[in-house]
C-alpha atoms as a PDB file:
ATOM      1  CA  ALA A   1       0.016   0.039  -0.094  1.00  0.00           C
ATOM      2  CA  THR A   2       2.901   2.382   0.775  1.00  0.00           C
ATOM      3  CA  MET A   3       4.562   1.831  -2.646  1.00  0.00           C
ATOM      4  CA  GLY A   4       1.226   2.391  -4.355  1.00  0.00           C
ATOM      5  CA  PHE A   5       0.864   5.966  -2.749  1.00  0.00           C
ATOM      6  CA  ILE A   6       4.692   6.701  -3.087  1.00  0.00           C
ATOM      7  CA  ALA A   7       5.357   5.490  -6.456  1.00  0.00           C
ATOM      8  CA  PRO A   8       2.970   7.749  -8.319  1.00  0.00           C
ATOM      9  CA  GLU A   9       4.633  10.653  -6.877  1.00  0.00           C
ATOM     10  CA  TYR A  10       7.655   9.953  -9.149  1.00  0.00           C
ATOM     11  CA  PHE A  11       6.324   8.008 -12.118  1.00  0.00           C
ATOM     12  CA  ARG A  12       3.076   8.114 -14.132  1.00  0.00           C
ATOM     13  CA  PHE A  13       2.062   6.147 -17.077  1.00  0.00           C
ATOM     14  CA  PRO A  14       2.263   8.350 -20.240  1.00  0.00           C
ATOM     15  CA  GLY A  15      -1.109   8.408 -22.175  1.00  0.00           C
ATOM     16  CA  TYR A  16      -4.611   7.958 -21.389  1.00  0.00           C
ATOM     17  CA  LEU A  17      -6.311   5.746 -18.566  1.00  0.00           C
ATOM     18  CA  SER A  18      -9.742   6.288 -20.682  1.00  0.00           C
ATOM     19  CA  PRO A  19      -9.456   7.668 -23.949  1.00  0.00           C
ATOM     20  CA  ALA A  20     -13.242   7.809 -24.379  1.00  0.00           C
ATOM     21  CA  LYS A  21     -13.423  10.094 -21.217  1.00  0.00           C
ATOM     22  CA  GLN A  22     -10.119  12.021 -22.040  1.00  0.00           C
ATOM     23  CA  LEU A  23      -8.832  10.758 -18.527  1.00  0.00           C
ATOM     24  CA  LYS A  24      -4.980  10.841 -18.650  1.00  0.00           C
ATOM     25  CA  PHE A  25      -2.883   8.883 -15.978  1.00  0.00           C
ATOM     26  CA  ALA A  26      -1.582  12.166 -14.701  1.00  0.00           C
ATOM     27  CA  ASP A  27      -5.024  13.205 -13.841  1.00  0.00           C
ATOM     28  CA  VAL A  28      -5.491  10.622 -11.457  1.00  0.00           C
ATOM     29  CA  PRO A  29      -4.717  11.665  -7.675  1.00  0.00           C
ATOM     30  CA  ASN A  30      -2.920   9.292  -5.408  1.00  0.00           C
ATOM     31  CA  GLY A  31      -4.512   7.415  -2.521  1.00  0.00           C
ATOM     32  CA  LEU A  32      -8.152   7.041  -2.142  1.00  0.00           C
ATOM     33  CA  GLY A  33      -9.003   9.865  -4.324  1.00  0.00           C
ATOM     34  CA  ALA A  34      -8.147   7.539  -7.375  1.00  0.00           C
ATOM     35  CA  LEU A  35     -11.326   5.437  -6.465  1.00  0.00           C
ATOM     36  CA  SER A  36     -13.649   8.138  -7.608  1.00  0.00           C
ATOM     37  CA  LYS A  37     -11.556   9.092 -10.876  1.00  0.00           C
ATOM     38  CA  VAL A  38     -11.246   5.545 -12.417  1.00  0.00           C
ATOM     39  CA  PRO A  39     -14.495   4.858 -14.366  1.00  0.00           C
ATOM     40  CA  LEU A  40     -16.473   1.823 -13.444  1.00  0.00           C
ATOM     41  CA  THR A  41     -15.507  -0.017 -16.385  1.00  0.00           C
ATOM     42  CA  GLY A  42     -11.811   0.038 -15.565  1.00  0.00           C
ATOM     43  CA  TRP A  43     -12.429  -1.494 -11.969  1.00  0.00           C
ATOM     44  CA  ILE A  44     -14.799  -4.120 -13.620  1.00  0.00           C
ATOM     45  CA  GLN A  45     -11.801  -5.065 -16.049  1.00  0.00           C
ATOM     46  CA  ILE A  46      -9.477  -5.272 -12.909  1.00  0.00           C
ATOM     47  CA  ILE A  47     -11.808  -7.368 -11.063  1.00  0.00           C
ATOM     48  CA  VAL A  48     -12.348  -9.618 -14.044  1.00  0.00           C
ATOM     49  CA  PHE A  49      -8.682  -9.888 -14.831  1.00  0.00           C
ATOM     50  CA  CYS A  50      -7.954 -10.820 -10.958  1.00  0.00           C
ATOM     51  CA  GLY A  51     -10.710 -13.438 -11.213  1.00  0.00           C
ATOM     52  CA  MET A  52      -9.336 -15.006 -14.354  1.00  0.00           C
ATOM     53  CA  VAL A  53      -5.887 -15.366 -12.905  1.00  0.00           C
ATOM     54  CA  ASP A  54      -7.166 -16.846  -9.685  1.00  0.00           C
ATOM     55  CA  PHE A  55      -9.798 -19.153 -10.756  1.00  0.00           C
ATOM     56  CA  GLY A  56      -8.450 -20.083 -14.358  1.00  0.00           C
ATOM     57  CA  LEU A  57      -4.490 -20.042 -14.075  1.00  0.00           C
ATOM     58  CA  TYR A  58      -4.009 -20.531 -10.466  1.00  0.00           C
ATOM     59  CA  ARG A  59      -6.543 -23.203  -9.622  1.00  0.00           C
ATOM     60  CA  SER A  60      -5.949 -24.710  -6.204  1.00  0.00           C
ATOM     61  CA  ASP A  61      -5.572 -28.473  -6.004  1.00  0.00           C
ATOM     62  CA  ASP A  62      -5.569 -30.292  -2.740  1.00  0.00           C
ATOM     63  CA  SER A  63      -3.328 -33.028  -4.149  1.00  0.00           C
ATOM     64  CA  ARG A  64      -0.681 -30.516  -4.356  1.00  0.00           C
ATOM     65  CA  ASP A  65       1.096 -28.513  -1.715  1.00  0.00           C
ATOM     66  CA  PRO A  66       0.127 -24.974  -1.074  1.00  0.00           C
ATOM     67  CA  GLY A  67       1.444 -22.521  -3.592  1.00  0.00           C
ATOM     68  CA  ASP A  68       2.438 -25.157  -6.041  1.00  0.00           C
ATOM     69  CA  TYR A  69       0.009 -24.503  -8.992  1.00  0.00           C
ATOM     70  CA  GLU A  70       0.100 -26.755 -12.129  1.00  0.00           C
ATOM     71  CA  ASN A  71       0.367 -24.007 -14.595  1.00  0.00           C
ATOM     72  CA  ALA A  72       2.974 -22.107 -12.707  1.00  0.00           C
ATOM     73  CA  GLY A  73       6.691 -22.137 -12.069  1.00  0.00           C
ATOM     74  CA  ILE A  74       8.670 -21.687  -8.911  1.00  0.00           C
ATOM     75  CA  LEU A  75       6.508 -20.363  -5.906  1.00  0.00           C
ATOM     76  CA  GLY A  76       3.657 -19.770  -8.437  1.00  0.00           C
ATOM     77  CA  VAL A  77       5.453 -17.271 -10.812  1.00  0.00           C
ATOM     78  CA  PRO A  78       4.591 -18.154 -14.349  1.00  0.00           C
ATOM     79  CA  ASN A  79       8.204 -18.461 -16.085  1.00  0.00           C
ATOM     80  CA  ALA A  80       7.952 -22.155 -17.348  1.00  0.00           C
ATOM     81  CA  SER A  81      10.636 -23.139 -14.689  1.00  0.00           C
ATOM     82  CA  GLY A  82       8.444 -26.006 -13.101  1.00  0.00           C
ATOM     83  CA  PRO A  83       7.624 -26.943 -10.004  1.00  0.00           C
ATOM     84  CA  MET A  84      10.592 -26.865  -7.326  1.00  0.00           C
ATOM     85  CA  SER A  85      11.972 -30.239  -6.936  1.00  0.00           C
ATOM     86  CA  ASP A  86      14.011 -29.374  -3.651  1.00  0.00           C
ATOM     87  CA  VAL A  87      11.369 -29.817  -0.988  1.00  0.00           C
ATOM     88  CA  GLU A  88      13.132 -28.321   1.800  1.00  0.00           C
ATOM     89  CA  GLY A  89      14.502 -25.109  -0.395  1.00  0.00           C
ATOM     90  CA  ARG A  90      10.686 -24.597  -1.273  1.00  0.00           C
ATOM     91  CA  LYS A  91       9.583 -24.889   2.314  1.00  0.00           C
ATOM     92  CA  ARG A  92      12.232 -22.440   3.316  1.00  0.00           C
ATOM     93  CA  LYS A  93      11.284 -19.988   0.535  1.00  0.00           C
ATOM     94  CA  LEU A  94       7.661 -20.201   1.348  1.00  0.00           C
ATOM     95  CA  ASN A  95       8.223 -19.408   5.216  1.00  0.00           C
ATOM     96  CA  SER A  96      10.649 -16.698   4.671  1.00  0.00           C
ATOM     97  CA  GLU A  97       8.110 -14.099   4.107  1.00  0.00           C
END
């Protein structure tokens, strides 16, 4: 949350967030003020995308360890690296957060 508030102070995407409404990324304020500026269709796109990733790409399988998704690589990152074969190394990485 902190990065999401600080990063826009130093970087904004160029161009339009919503070309149809002539809304540029630079026009969107930081913090909670952004909630009212982003069009409803934008929020719907974000929710649909997250749902597709959660329920499509990373489906939970009870026969696999937590965080070990069939379509993902090491620790769920989709980089075609395959599942971690080192069980102790995987456990250490999962518990390090």
